[in-house]
Amino acid sequence: MNASVDRVRDALAELIKAALVSNDGRSLAFRQAAAEKLAALAADPPRAETVRIDGAWTLAVGAAEAPELRPEEGRVNLTLPQTAPFTLEDLTSEGFDVAAAVETIRKSASTG
């Protein structure tokens, strides 16, 4: 893995965590963390050829579904999609809407 993938994975993981947890305070904290990581990405965007967004998404899902967070999950019983709901360009664009992104993740999940 490379540093660019790590940075994208970390930002996506925070968005996923915000979508998963049922506690509004914790969700807000994850949203704020995501916003900070996304601002850093926008300020110094990785080159597109260094990041496979679907790979970063898969890694982010794994990080966000960590066993220690399971007790906090509760918004939805979800199966996240295999492909990223955002492009790298989306994530690094000025004005990326974190709240809308969290809702996109929630809505893209299969609730079985």
PDB file of N, CA and C in Angstrom:
ATOM      1  N   MET A   1       0.842  -1.167   0.000  1.00  0.00           N
ATOM      2  CA  MET A   1       0.000   0.000   0.000  1.00  0.00           C
ATOM      3  C   MET A   1       0.890   1.234   0.000  1.00  0.00           C
ATOM      4  N   ASN A   2       0.336   2.356  -0.474  1.00  0.00           N
ATOM      5  CA  ASN A   2       1.109   3.587  -0.480  1.00  0.00           C
ATOM      6  C   ASN A   2       0.419   4.655   0.359  1.00  0.00           C
ATOM      7  N   ALA A   3       1.134   5.727   0.598  1.00  0.00           N
ATOM      8  CA  ALA A   3       0.624   6.797   1.469  1.00  0.00           C
ATOM      9  C   ALA A   3      -0.651   7.427   0.912  1.00  0.00           C
ATOM     10  N   SER A   4      -0.753   7.536  -0.392  1.00  0.00           N
ATOM     11  CA  SER A   4      -1.960   8.127  -0.988  1.00  0.00           C
ATOM     12  C   SER A   4      -3.186   7.268  -0.704  1.00  0.00           C
ATOM     13  N   VAL A   5      -3.044   5.977  -0.853  1.00  0.00           N
ATOM     14  CA  VAL A   5      -4.151   5.058  -0.565  1.00  0.00           C
ATOM     15  C   VAL A   5      -4.517   5.138   0.912  1.00  0.00           C
ATOM     16  N   ASP A   6      -3.509   5.190   1.768  1.00  0.00           N
ATOM     17  CA  ASP A   6      -3.755   5.300   3.213  1.00  0.00           C
ATOM     18  C   ASP A   6      -4.578   6.535   3.538  1.00  0.00           C
ATOM     19  N   ARG A   7      -4.231   7.657   2.941  1.00  0.00           N
ATOM     20  CA  ARG A   7      -4.936   8.916   3.216  1.00  0.00           C
ATOM     21  C   ARG A   7      -6.396   8.846   2.764  1.00  0.00           C
ATOM     22  N   VAL A   8      -6.614   8.296   1.571  1.00  0.00           N
ATOM     23  CA  VAL A   8      -7.982   8.176   1.046  1.00  0.00           C
ATOM     24  C   VAL A   8      -8.769   7.177   1.892  1.00  0.00           C
ATOM     25  N   ARG A   9      -8.154   6.043   2.206  1.00  0.00           N
ATOM     26  CA  ARG A   9      -8.803   5.035   3.055  1.00  0.00           C
ATOM     27  C   ARG A   9      -9.228   5.643   4.384  1.00  0.00           C
ATOM     28  N   ASP A  10      -8.345   6.402   5.010  1.00  0.00           N
ATOM     29  CA  ASP A  10      -8.646   6.982   6.315  1.00  0.00           C
ATOM     30  C   ASP A  10      -9.829   7.950   6.253  1.00  0.00           C
ATOM     31  N   ALA A  11      -9.884   8.757   5.211  1.00  0.00           N
ATOM     32  CA  ALA A  11     -11.001   9.692   5.066  1.00  0.00           C
ATOM     33  C   ALA A  11     -12.311   8.934   4.832  1.00  0.00           C
ATOM     34  N   LEU A  12     -12.272   7.937   3.962  1.00  0.00           N
ATOM     35  CA  LEU A  12     -13.468   7.138   3.698  1.00  0.00           C
ATOM     36  C   LEU A  12     -13.920   6.384   4.947  1.00  0.00           C
ATOM     37  N   ALA A  13     -12.981   5.865   5.715  1.00  0.00           N
ATOM     38  CA  ALA A  13     -13.334   5.126   6.933  1.00  0.00           C
ATOM     39  C   ALA A  13     -14.089   6.012   7.909  1.00  0.00           C
ATOM     40  N   GLU A  14     -13.679   7.263   8.034  1.00  0.00           N
ATOM     41  CA  GLU A  14     -14.386   8.181   8.937  1.00  0.00           C
ATOM     42  C   GLU A  14     -15.815   8.430   8.451  1.00  0.00           C
ATOM     43  N   LEU A  15     -15.996   8.563   7.142  1.00  0.00           N
ATOM     44  CA  LEU A  15     -17.346   8.732   6.594  1.00  0.00           C
ATOM     45  C   LEU A  15     -18.201   7.498   6.874  1.00  0.00           C
ATOM     46  N   ILE A  16     -17.628   6.333   6.683  1.00  0.00           N
ATOM     47  CA  ILE A  16     -18.367   5.087   6.926  1.00  0.00           C
ATOM     48  C   ILE A  16     -18.732   4.965   8.400  1.00  0.00           C
ATOM     49  N   LYS A  17     -17.797   5.251   9.283  1.00  0.00           N
ATOM     50  CA  LYS A  17     -18.078   5.197  10.724  1.00  0.00           C
ATOM     51  C   LYS A  17     -19.228   6.130  11.076  1.00  0.00           C
ATOM     52  N   ALA A  18     -19.225   7.330  10.504  1.00  0.00           N
ATOM     53  CA  ALA A  18     -20.304   8.285  10.770  1.00  0.00           C
ATOM     54  C   ALA A  18     -21.651   7.736  10.331  1.00  0.00           C
ATOM     55  N   ALA A  19     -21.650   6.966   9.253  1.00  0.00           N
ATOM     56  CA  ALA A  19     -22.893   6.371   8.760  1.00  0.00           C
ATOM     57  C   ALA A  19     -23.336   5.185   9.611  1.00  0.00           C
ATOM     58  N   LEU A  20     -22.383   4.478  10.200  1.00  0.00           N
ATOM     59  CA  LEU A  20     -22.704   3.263  10.935  1.00  0.00           C
ATOM     60  C   LEU A  20     -23.206   3.499  12.353  1.00  0.00           C
ATOM     61  N   VAL A  21     -22.617   4.446  13.063  1.00  0.00           N
ATOM     62  CA  VAL A  21     -22.925   4.582  14.489  1.00  0.00           C
ATOM     63  C   VAL A  21     -24.286   5.232  14.711  1.00  0.00           C
ATOM     64  N   SER A  22     -24.937   4.821  15.776  1.00  0.00           N
ATOM     65  CA  SER A  22     -26.263   5.352  16.067  1.00  0.00           C
ATOM     66  C   SER A  22     -26.219   6.543  17.024  1.00  0.00           C
ATOM     67  N   ASN A  23     -25.123   6.730  17.725  1.00  0.00           N
ATOM     68  CA  ASN A  23     -24.992   7.851  18.650  1.00  0.00           C
ATOM     69  C   ASN A  23     -24.667   9.111  17.851  1.00  0.00           C
ATOM     70  N   ASP A  24     -25.543  10.112  17.937  1.00  0.00           N
ATOM     71  CA  ASP A  24     -25.356  11.335  17.151  1.00  0.00           C
ATOM     72  C   ASP A  24     -24.067  12.065  17.489  1.00  0.00           C
ATOM     73  N   GLY A  25     -23.677  12.059  18.760  1.00  0.00           N
ATOM     74  CA  GLY A  25     -22.439  12.715  19.162  1.00  0.00           C
ATOM     75  C   GLY A  25     -21.223  12.052  18.542  1.00  0.00           C
ATOM     76  N   ARG A  26     -21.205  10.724  18.569  1.00  0.00           N
ATOM     77  CA  ARG A  26     -20.085   9.991  17.956  1.00  0.00           C
ATOM     78  C   ARG A  26     -20.091  10.175  16.440  1.00  0.00           C
ATOM     79  N   SER A  27     -21.273  10.161  15.851  1.00  0.00           N
ATOM     80  CA  SER A  27     -21.364  10.368  14.413  1.00  0.00           C
ATOM     81  C   SER A  27     -20.798  11.738  14.039  1.00  0.00           C
ATOM     82  N   LEU A  28     -21.120  12.746  14.826  1.00  0.00           N
ATOM     83  CA  LEU A  28     -20.597  14.087  14.573  1.00  0.00           C
ATOM     84  C   LEU A  28     -19.075  14.105  14.676  1.00  0.00           C
ATOM     85  N   ALA A  29     -18.535  13.420  15.670  1.00  0.00           N
ATOM     86  CA  ALA A  29     -17.075  13.360  15.822  1.00  0.00           C
ATOM     87  C   ALA A  29     -16.434  12.700  14.597  1.00  0.00           C
ATOM     88  N   PHE A  30     -17.052  11.624  14.091  1.00  0.00           N
ATOM     89  CA  PHE A  30     -16.521  10.970  12.900  1.00  0.00           C
ATOM     90  C   PHE A  30     -16.655  11.885  11.677  1.00  0.00           C
ATOM     91  N   ARG A  31     -17.747  12.637  11.595  1.00  0.00           N
ATOM     92  CA  ARG A  31     -17.922  13.589  10.488  1.00  0.00           C
ATOM     93  C   ARG A  31     -16.840  14.657  10.523  1.00  0.00           C
ATOM     94  N   GLN A  32     -16.550  15.160  11.716  1.00  0.00           N
ATOM     95  CA  GLN A  32     -15.514  16.187  11.848  1.00  0.00           C
ATOM     96  C   GLN A  32     -14.148  15.627  11.465  1.00  0.00           C
ATOM     97  N   ALA A  33     -13.868  14.414  11.894  1.00  0.00           N
ATOM     98  CA  ALA A  33     -12.600  13.774  11.522  1.00  0.00           C
ATOM     99  C   ALA A  33     -12.525  13.597  10.006  1.00  0.00           C
ATOM    100  N   ALA A  34     -13.641  13.188   9.404  1.00  0.00           N
ATOM    101  CA  ALA A  34     -13.679  13.025   7.951  1.00  0.00           C
ATOM    102  C   ALA A  34     -13.432  14.360   7.258  1.00  0.00           C
ATOM    103  N   ALA A  35     -14.077  15.412   7.745  1.00  0.00           N
ATOM    104  CA  ALA A  35     -13.912  16.735   7.140  1.00  0.00           C
ATOM    105  C   ALA A  35     -12.450  17.178   7.186  1.00  0.00           C
ATOM    106  N   GLU A  36     -11.783  16.922   8.300  1.00  0.00           N
ATOM    107  CA  GLU A  36     -10.368  17.282   8.419  1.00  0.00           C
ATOM    108  C   GLU A  36      -9.509  16.491   7.440  1.00  0.00           C
ATOM    109  N   LYS A  37      -9.772  15.212   7.337  1.00  0.00           N
ATOM    110  CA  LYS A  37      -8.991  14.366   6.432  1.00  0.00           C
ATOM    111  C   LYS A  37      -9.274  14.728   4.968  1.00  0.00           C
ATOM    112  N   LEU A  38     -10.518  15.044   4.667  1.00  0.00           N
ATOM    113  CA  LEU A  38     -10.864  15.437   3.306  1.00  0.00           C
ATOM    114  C   LEU A  38     -10.252  16.789   2.941  1.00  0.00           C
ATOM    115  N   ALA A  39     -10.202  17.713   3.902  1.00  0.00           N
ATOM    116  CA  ALA A  39      -9.563  19.015   3.657  1.00  0.00           C
ATOM    117  C   ALA A  39      -8.075  18.823   3.364  1.00  0.00           C
ATOM    118  N   ALA A  40      -7.434  17.919   4.092  1.00  0.00           N
ATOM    119  CA  ALA A  40      -6.024  17.622   3.839  1.00  0.00           C
ATOM    120  C   ALA A  40      -5.839  17.010   2.454  1.00  0.00           C
ATOM    121  N   LEU A  41      -6.762  16.138   2.059  1.00  0.00           N
ATOM    122  CA  LEU A  41      -6.700  15.554   0.714  1.00  0.00           C
ATOM    123  C   LEU A  41      -6.866  16.628  -0.361  1.00  0.00           C
ATOM    124  N   ALA A  42      -7.810  17.538  -0.151  1.00  0.00           N
ATOM    125  CA  ALA A  42      -8.064  18.596  -1.126  1.00  0.00           C
ATOM    126  C   ALA A  42      -6.871  19.547  -1.230  1.00  0.00           C
ATOM    127  N   ALA A  43      -6.210  19.786  -0.110  1.00  0.00           N
ATOM    128  CA  ALA A  43      -5.063  20.688  -0.094  1.00  0.00           C
ATOM    129  C   ALA A  43      -3.847  20.075  -0.802  1.00  0.00           C
ATOM    130  N   ASP A  44      -3.759  18.773  -0.763  1.00  0.00           N
ATOM    131  CA  ASP A  44      -2.647  18.056  -1.387  1.00  0.00           C
ATOM    132  C   ASP A  44      -3.185  16.763  -1.996  1.00  0.00           C
ATOM    133  N   PRO A  45      -3.925  16.897  -3.108  1.00  0.00           N
ATOM    134  CA  PRO A  45      -4.582  15.715  -3.673  1.00  0.00           C
ATOM    135  C   PRO A  45      -3.591  14.691  -4.222  1.00  0.00           C
ATOM    136  N   PRO A  46      -3.889  13.427  -3.985  1.00  0.00           N
ATOM    137  CA  PRO A  46      -3.043  12.382  -4.559  1.00  0.00           C
ATOM    138  C   PRO A  46      -3.267  12.306  -6.066  1.00  0.00           C
ATOM    139  N   ARG A  47      -2.255  11.849  -6.769  1.00  0.00           N
ATOM    140  CA  ARG A  47      -2.402  11.662  -8.212  1.00  0.00           C
ATOM    141  C   ARG A  47      -3.341  10.473  -8.440  1.00  0.00           C
ATOM    142  N   ALA A  48      -4.224  10.611  -9.376  1.00  0.00           N
ATOM    143  CA  ALA A  48      -5.236   9.581  -9.645  1.00  0.00           C
ATOM    144  C   ALA A  48      -4.610   8.214  -9.929  1.00  0.00           C
ATOM    145  N   GLU A  49      -3.462   8.194 -10.576  1.00  0.00           N
ATOM    146  CA  GLU A  49      -2.850   6.906 -10.911  1.00  0.00           C
ATOM    147  C   GLU A  49      -2.251   6.203  -9.694  1.00  0.00           C
ATOM    148  N   THR A  50      -2.182   6.893  -8.564  1.00  0.00           N
ATOM    149  CA  THR A  50      -1.631   6.270  -7.352  1.00  0.00           C
ATOM    150  C   THR A  50      -2.705   5.677  -6.448  1.00  0.00           C
ATOM    151  N   VAL A  51      -3.980   5.903  -6.793  1.00  0.00           N
ATOM    152  CA  VAL A  51      -5.066   5.440  -5.929  1.00  0.00           C
ATOM    153  C   VAL A  51      -6.146   4.745  -6.752  1.00  0.00           C
ATOM    154  N   ARG A  52      -6.420   3.520  -6.401  1.00  0.00           N
ATOM    155  CA  ARG A  52      -7.589   2.829  -6.945  1.00  0.00           C
ATOM    156  C   ARG A  52      -8.690   3.026  -5.915  1.00  0.00           C
ATOM    157  N   ILE A  53      -9.650   3.837  -6.264  1.00  0.00           N
ATOM    158  CA  ILE A  53     -10.664   4.251  -5.289  1.00  0.00           C
ATOM    159  C   ILE A  53     -11.445   3.063  -4.740  1.00  0.00           C
ATOM    160  N   ASP A  54     -11.751   2.080  -5.564  1.00  0.00           N
ATOM    161  CA  ASP A  54     -12.492   0.911  -5.057  1.00  0.00           C
ATOM    162  C   ASP A  54     -11.654   0.098  -4.080  1.00  0.00           C
ATOM    163  N   GLY A  55     -10.357   0.050  -4.307  1.00  0.00           N
ATOM    164  CA  GLY A  55      -9.472  -0.617  -3.357  1.00  0.00           C
ATOM    165  C   GLY A  55      -9.408   0.130  -2.035  1.00  0.00           C
ATOM    166  N   ALA A  56      -9.302   1.455  -2.116  1.00  0.00           N
ATOM    167  CA  ALA A  56      -9.295   2.272  -0.897  1.00  0.00           C
ATOM    168  C   ALA A  56     -10.622   2.125  -0.157  1.00  0.00           C
ATOM    169  N   TRP A  57     -11.723   2.036  -0.897  1.00  0.00           N
ATOM    170  CA  TRP A  57     -13.047   1.842  -0.307  1.00  0.00           C
ATOM    171  C   TRP A  57     -13.112   0.520   0.454  1.00  0.00           C
ATOM    172  N   THR A  58     -12.644  -0.549  -0.169  1.00  0.00           N
ATOM    173  CA  THR A  58     -12.657  -1.861   0.476  1.00  0.00           C
ATOM    174  C   THR A  58     -11.854  -1.834   1.773  1.00  0.00           C
ATOM    175  N   LEU A  59     -10.695  -1.220   1.736  1.00  0.00           N
ATOM    176  CA  LEU A  59      -9.871  -1.099   2.946  1.00  0.00           C
ATOM    177  C   LEU A  59     -10.573  -0.254   4.007  1.00  0.00           C
ATOM    178  N   ALA A  60     -11.259   0.807   3.572  1.00  0.00           N
ATOM    179  CA  ALA A  60     -11.971   1.686   4.505  1.00  0.00           C
ATOM    180  C   ALA A  60     -13.128   0.957   5.183  1.00  0.00           C
ATOM    181  N   VAL A  61     -13.839   0.146   4.433  1.00  0.00           N
ATOM    182  CA  VAL A  61     -14.939  -0.637   5.006  1.00  0.00           C
ATOM    183  C   VAL A  61     -14.395  -1.552   6.094  1.00  0.00           C
ATOM    184  N   GLY A  62     -13.292  -2.216   5.809  1.00  0.00           N
ATOM    185  CA  GLY A  62     -12.675  -3.088   6.803  1.00  0.00           C
ATOM    186  C   GLY A  62     -12.270  -2.331   8.061  1.00  0.00           C
ATOM    187  N   ALA A  63     -11.711  -1.151   7.892  1.00  0.00           N
ATOM    188  CA  ALA A  63     -11.295  -0.344   9.038  1.00  0.00           C
ATOM    189  C   ALA A  63     -12.499   0.160   9.832  1.00  0.00           C
ATOM    190  N   ALA A  64     -13.540   0.545   9.128  1.00  0.00           N
ATOM    191  CA  ALA A  64     -14.721   1.098   9.796  1.00  0.00           C
ATOM    192  C   ALA A  64     -15.539   0.034  10.515  1.00  0.00           C
ATOM    193  N   GLU A  65     -15.462  -1.187  10.055  1.00  0.00           N
ATOM    194  CA  GLU A  65     -16.230  -2.267  10.667  1.00  0.00           C
ATOM    195  C   GLU A  65     -15.415  -2.999  11.731  1.00  0.00           C
ATOM    196  N   ALA A  66     -14.495  -2.306  12.342  1.00  0.00           N
ATOM    197  CA  ALA A  66     -13.648  -2.893  13.387  1.00  0.00           C
ATOM    198  C   ALA A  66     -14.510  -3.417  14.532  1.00  0.00           C
ATOM    199  N   PRO A  67     -14.116  -4.538  15.118  1.00  0.00           N
ATOM    200  CA  PRO A  67     -14.913  -5.149  16.197  1.00  0.00           C
ATOM    201  C   PRO A  67     -15.214  -4.201  17.356  1.00  0.00           C
ATOM    202  N   GLU A  68     -14.289  -3.306  17.678  1.00  0.00           N
ATOM    203  CA  GLU A  68     -14.530  -2.413  18.811  1.00  0.00           C
ATOM    204  C   GLU A  68     -15.638  -1.395  18.553  1.00  0.00           C
ATOM    205  N   LEU A  69     -16.013  -1.198  17.301  1.00  0.00           N
ATOM    206  CA  LEU A  69     -17.104  -0.268  16.987  1.00  0.00           C
ATOM    207  C   LEU A  69     -18.463  -0.962  16.891  1.00  0.00           C
ATOM    208  N   ARG A  70     -18.493  -2.255  16.815  1.00  0.00           N
ATOM    209  CA  ARG A  70     -19.757  -2.988  16.635  1.00  0.00           C
ATOM    210  C   ARG A  70     -20.840  -2.606  17.647  1.00  0.00           C
ATOM    211  N   PRO A  71     -20.510  -2.464  18.941  1.00  0.00           N
ATOM    212  CA  PRO A  71     -21.566  -2.100  19.893  1.00  0.00           C
ATOM    213  C   PRO A  71     -22.214  -0.745  19.592  1.00  0.00           C
ATOM    214  N   GLU A  72     -21.492   0.131  18.887  1.00  0.00           N
ATOM    215  CA  GLU A  72     -22.025   1.458  18.585  1.00  0.00           C
ATOM    216  C   GLU A  72     -22.828   1.491  17.297  1.00  0.00           C
ATOM    217  N   GLU A  73     -22.676   0.488  16.470  1.00  0.00           N
ATOM    218  CA  GLU A  73     -23.386   0.476  15.202  1.00  0.00           C
ATOM    219  C   GLU A  73     -24.865   0.227  15.467  1.00  0.00           C
ATOM    220  N   GLY A  74     -25.691   0.851  14.692  1.00  0.00           N
ATOM    221  CA  GLY A  74     -27.101   0.638  14.933  1.00  0.00           C
ATOM    222  C   GLY A  74     -28.007   1.427  14.022  1.00  0.00           C
ATOM    223  N   ARG A  75     -27.452   2.362  13.263  1.00  0.00           N
ATOM    224  CA  ARG A  75     -28.286   3.126  12.337  1.00  0.00           C
ATOM    225  C   ARG A  75     -28.986   2.192  11.368  1.00  0.00           C
ATOM    226  N   VAL A  76     -28.210   1.340  10.768  1.00  0.00           N
ATOM    227  CA  VAL A  76     -28.743   0.371   9.817  1.00  0.00           C
ATOM    228  C   VAL A  76     -27.931  -0.899   9.938  1.00  0.00           C
ATOM    229  N   ASN A  77     -28.566  -2.003   9.631  1.00  0.00           N
ATOM    230  CA  ASN A  77     -27.854  -3.263   9.532  1.00  0.00           C
ATOM    231  C   ASN A  77     -27.465  -3.362   8.074  1.00  0.00           C
ATOM    232  N   LEU A  78     -26.226  -3.001   7.786  1.00  0.00           N
ATOM    233  CA  LEU A  78     -25.940  -2.818   6.376  1.00  0.00           C
ATOM    234  C   LEU A  78     -24.825  -3.679   5.828  1.00  0.00           C
ATOM    235  N   THR A  79     -24.950  -3.865   4.555  1.00  0.00           N
ATOM    236  CA  THR A  79     -23.902  -4.438   3.750  1.00  0.00           C
ATOM    237  C   THR A  79     -23.515  -3.339   2.779  1.00  0.00           C
ATOM    238  N   LEU A  80     -22.307  -2.869   2.914  1.00  0.00           N
ATOM    239  CA  LEU A  80     -21.868  -1.756   2.079  1.00  0.00           C
ATOM    240  C   LEU A  80     -21.572  -2.241   0.668  1.00  0.00           C
ATOM    241  N   PRO A  81     -21.741  -1.362  -0.310  1.00  0.00           N
ATOM    242  CA  PRO A  81     -21.490  -1.767  -1.694  1.00  0.00           C
ATOM    243  C   PRO A  81     -20.020  -2.121  -1.922  1.00  0.00           C
ATOM    244  N   GLN A  82     -19.775  -2.909  -2.948  1.00  0.00           N
ATOM    245  CA  GLN A  82     -18.412  -3.330  -3.299  1.00  0.00           C
ATOM    246  C   GLN A  82     -17.602  -2.192  -3.921  1.00  0.00           C
ATOM    247  N   THR A  83     -18.288  -1.273  -4.569  1.00  0.00           N
ATOM    248  CA  THR A  83     -17.602  -0.165  -5.230  1.00  0.00           C
ATOM    249  C   THR A  83     -17.844   1.130  -4.467  1.00  0.00           C
ATOM    250  N   ALA A  84     -16.889   2.009  -4.548  1.00  0.00           N
ATOM    251  CA  ALA A  84     -16.966   3.285  -3.843  1.00  0.00           C
ATOM    252  C   ALA A  84     -18.083   4.152  -4.430  1.00  0.00           C
ATOM    253  N   PRO A  85     -18.875   4.778  -3.567  1.00  0.00           N
ATOM    254  CA  PRO A  85     -19.929   5.664  -4.062  1.00  0.00           C
ATOM    255  C   PRO A  85     -19.407   7.051  -4.449  1.00  0.00           C
ATOM    256  N   PHE A  86     -18.094   7.255  -4.323  1.00  0.00           N
ATOM    257  CA  PHE A  86     -17.473   8.544  -4.643  1.00  0.00           C
ATOM    258  C   PHE A  86     -16.245   8.304  -5.501  1.00  0.00           C
ATOM    259  N   THR A  87     -15.919   9.282  -6.306  1.00  0.00           N
ATOM    260  CA  THR A  87     -14.672   9.232  -7.067  1.00  0.00           C
ATOM    261  C   THR A  87     -13.601   9.974  -6.274  1.00  0.00           C
ATOM    262  N   LEU A  88     -12.366   9.788  -6.662  1.00  0.00           N
ATOM    263  CA  LEU A  88     -11.279  10.536  -6.037  1.00  0.00           C
ATOM    264  C   LEU A  88     -11.484  12.029  -6.267  1.00  0.00           C
ATOM    265  N   GLU A  89     -11.961  12.365  -7.442  1.00  0.00           N
ATOM    266  CA  GLU A  89     -12.239  13.774  -7.756  1.00  0.00           C
ATOM    267  C   GLU A  89     -13.312  14.334  -6.818  1.00  0.00           C
ATOM    268  N   ASP A  90     -14.340  13.550  -6.525  1.00  0.00           N
ATOM    269  CA  ASP A  90     -15.370  13.977  -5.574  1.00  0.00           C
ATOM    270  C   ASP A  90     -14.735  14.302  -4.220  1.00  0.00           C
ATOM    271  N   LEU A  91     -13.934  13.368  -3.733  1.00  0.00           N
ATOM    272  CA  LEU A  91     -13.363  13.499  -2.392  1.00  0.00           C
ATOM    273  C   LEU A  91     -12.421  14.682  -2.255  1.00  0.00           C
ATOM    274  N   THR A  92     -11.770  15.060  -3.335  1.00  0.00           N
ATOM    275  CA  THR A  92     -10.794  16.154  -3.270  1.00  0.00           C
ATOM    276  C   THR A  92     -11.358  17.480  -3.762  1.00  0.00           C
ATOM    277  N   SER A  93     -12.630  17.500  -4.110  1.00  0.00           N
ATOM    278  CA  SER A  93     -13.225  18.738  -4.610  1.00  0.00           C
ATOM    279  C   SER A  93     -13.525  19.701  -3.465  1.00  0.00           C
ATOM    280  N   GLU A  94     -13.401  20.966  -3.764  1.00  0.00           N
ATOM    281  CA  GLU A  94     -13.730  21.982  -2.783  1.00  0.00           C
ATOM    282  C   GLU A  94     -15.231  21.934  -2.519  1.00  0.00           C
ATOM    283  N   GLY A  95     -15.597  22.003  -1.279  1.00  0.00           N
ATOM    284  CA  GLY A  95     -17.008  21.995  -0.929  1.00  0.00           C
ATOM    285  C   GLY A  95     -17.640  20.619  -0.861  1.00  0.00           C
ATOM    286  N   PHE A  96     -16.825  19.560  -0.791  1.00  0.00           N
ATOM    287  CA  PHE A  96     -17.382  18.216  -0.645  1.00  0.00           C
ATOM    288  C   PHE A  96     -18.267  18.196   0.593  1.00  0.00           C
ATOM    289  N   ASP A  97     -19.493  17.744   0.444  1.00  0.00           N
ATOM    290  CA  ASP A  97     -20.487  17.781   1.516  1.00  0.00           C
ATOM    291  C   ASP A  97     -20.430  16.489   2.332  1.00  0.00           C
ATOM    292  N   VAL A  98     -19.860  16.584   3.527  1.00  0.00           N
ATOM    293  CA  VAL A  98     -19.695  15.415   4.387  1.00  0.00           C
ATOM    294  C   VAL A  98     -21.044  14.837   4.798  1.00  0.00           C
ATOM    295  N   ALA A  99     -21.981  15.690   5.174  1.00  0.00           N
ATOM    296  CA  ALA A  99     -23.298  15.206   5.600  1.00  0.00           C
ATOM    297  C   ALA A  99     -23.994  14.456   4.467  1.00  0.00           C
ATOM    298  N   ALA A 100     -23.922  14.998   3.265  1.00  0.00           N
ATOM    299  CA  ALA A 100     -24.532  14.328   2.117  1.00  0.00           C
ATOM    300  C   ALA A 100     -23.817  13.008   1.824  1.00  0.00           C
ATOM    301  N   ALA A 101     -22.506  12.989   2.003  1.00  0.00           N
ATOM    302  CA  ALA A 101     -21.740  11.762   1.776  1.00  0.00           C
ATOM    303  C   ALA A 101     -22.153  10.670   2.757  1.00  0.00           C
ATOM    304  N   VAL A 102     -22.350  11.047   4.014  1.00  0.00           N
ATOM    305  CA  VAL A 102     -22.785  10.079   5.023  1.00  0.00           C
ATOM    306  C   VAL A 102     -24.157   9.520   4.638  1.00  0.00           C
ATOM    307  N   GLU A 103     -25.043  10.361   4.192  1.00  0.00           N
ATOM    308  CA  GLU A 103     -26.365   9.905   3.762  1.00  0.00           C
ATOM    309  C   GLU A 103     -26.271   9.008   2.527  1.00  0.00           C
ATOM    310  N   THR A 104     -25.380   9.340   1.622  1.00  0.00           N
ATOM    311  CA  THR A 104     -25.166   8.502   0.438  1.00  0.00           C
ATOM    312  C   THR A 104     -24.730   7.107   0.850  1.00  0.00           C
ATOM    313  N   ILE A 105     -23.817   7.036   1.823  1.00  0.00           N
ATOM    314  CA  ILE A 105     -23.354   5.736   2.293  1.00  0.00           C
ATOM    315  C   ILE A 105     -24.512   4.965   2.936  1.00  0.00           C
ATOM    316  N   ARG A 106     -25.284   5.633   3.763  1.00  0.00           N
ATOM    317  CA  ARG A 106     -26.427   4.965   4.389  1.00  0.00           C
ATOM    318  C   ARG A 106     -27.413   4.439   3.360  1.00  0.00           C
ATOM    319  N   LYS A 107     -27.692   5.264   2.359  1.00  0.00           N
ATOM    320  CA  LYS A 107     -28.674   4.883   1.348  1.00  0.00           C
ATOM    321  C   LYS A 107     -28.136   3.829   0.383  1.00  0.00           C
ATOM    322  N   SER A 108     -26.815   3.768   0.217  1.00  0.00           N
ATOM    323  CA  SER A 108     -26.245   2.793  -0.711  1.00  0.00           C
ATOM    324  C   SER A 108     -26.106   1.412  -0.092  1.00  0.00           C
ATOM    325  N   ALA A 109     -26.294   1.345   1.203  1.00  0.00           N
ATOM    326  CA  ALA A 109     -26.141   0.066   1.904  1.00  0.00           C
ATOM    327  C   ALA A 109     -27.361  -0.812   1.703  1.00  0.00           C
ATOM    328  N   SER A 110     -27.103  -2.076   1.587  1.00  0.00           N
ATOM    329  CA  SER A 110     -28.178  -3.051   1.551  1.00  0.00           C
ATOM    330  C   SER A 110     -28.558  -3.375   2.996  1.00  0.00           C
ATOM    331  N   THR A 111     -29.814  -3.216   3.309  1.00  0.00           N
ATOM    332  CA  THR A 111     -30.241  -3.436   4.692  1.00  0.00           C
ATOM    333  C   THR A 111     -30.848  -4.813   4.910  1.00  0.00           C
ATOM    334  N   GLY A 112     -30.648  -5.672   3.961  1.00  0.00           N
ATOM    335  CA  GLY A 112     -31.056  -7.068   4.085  1.00  0.00           C
ATOM    336  C   GLY A 112     -32.403  -7.223   4.651  1.00  0.00           C
TER     337      GLY A 112
END
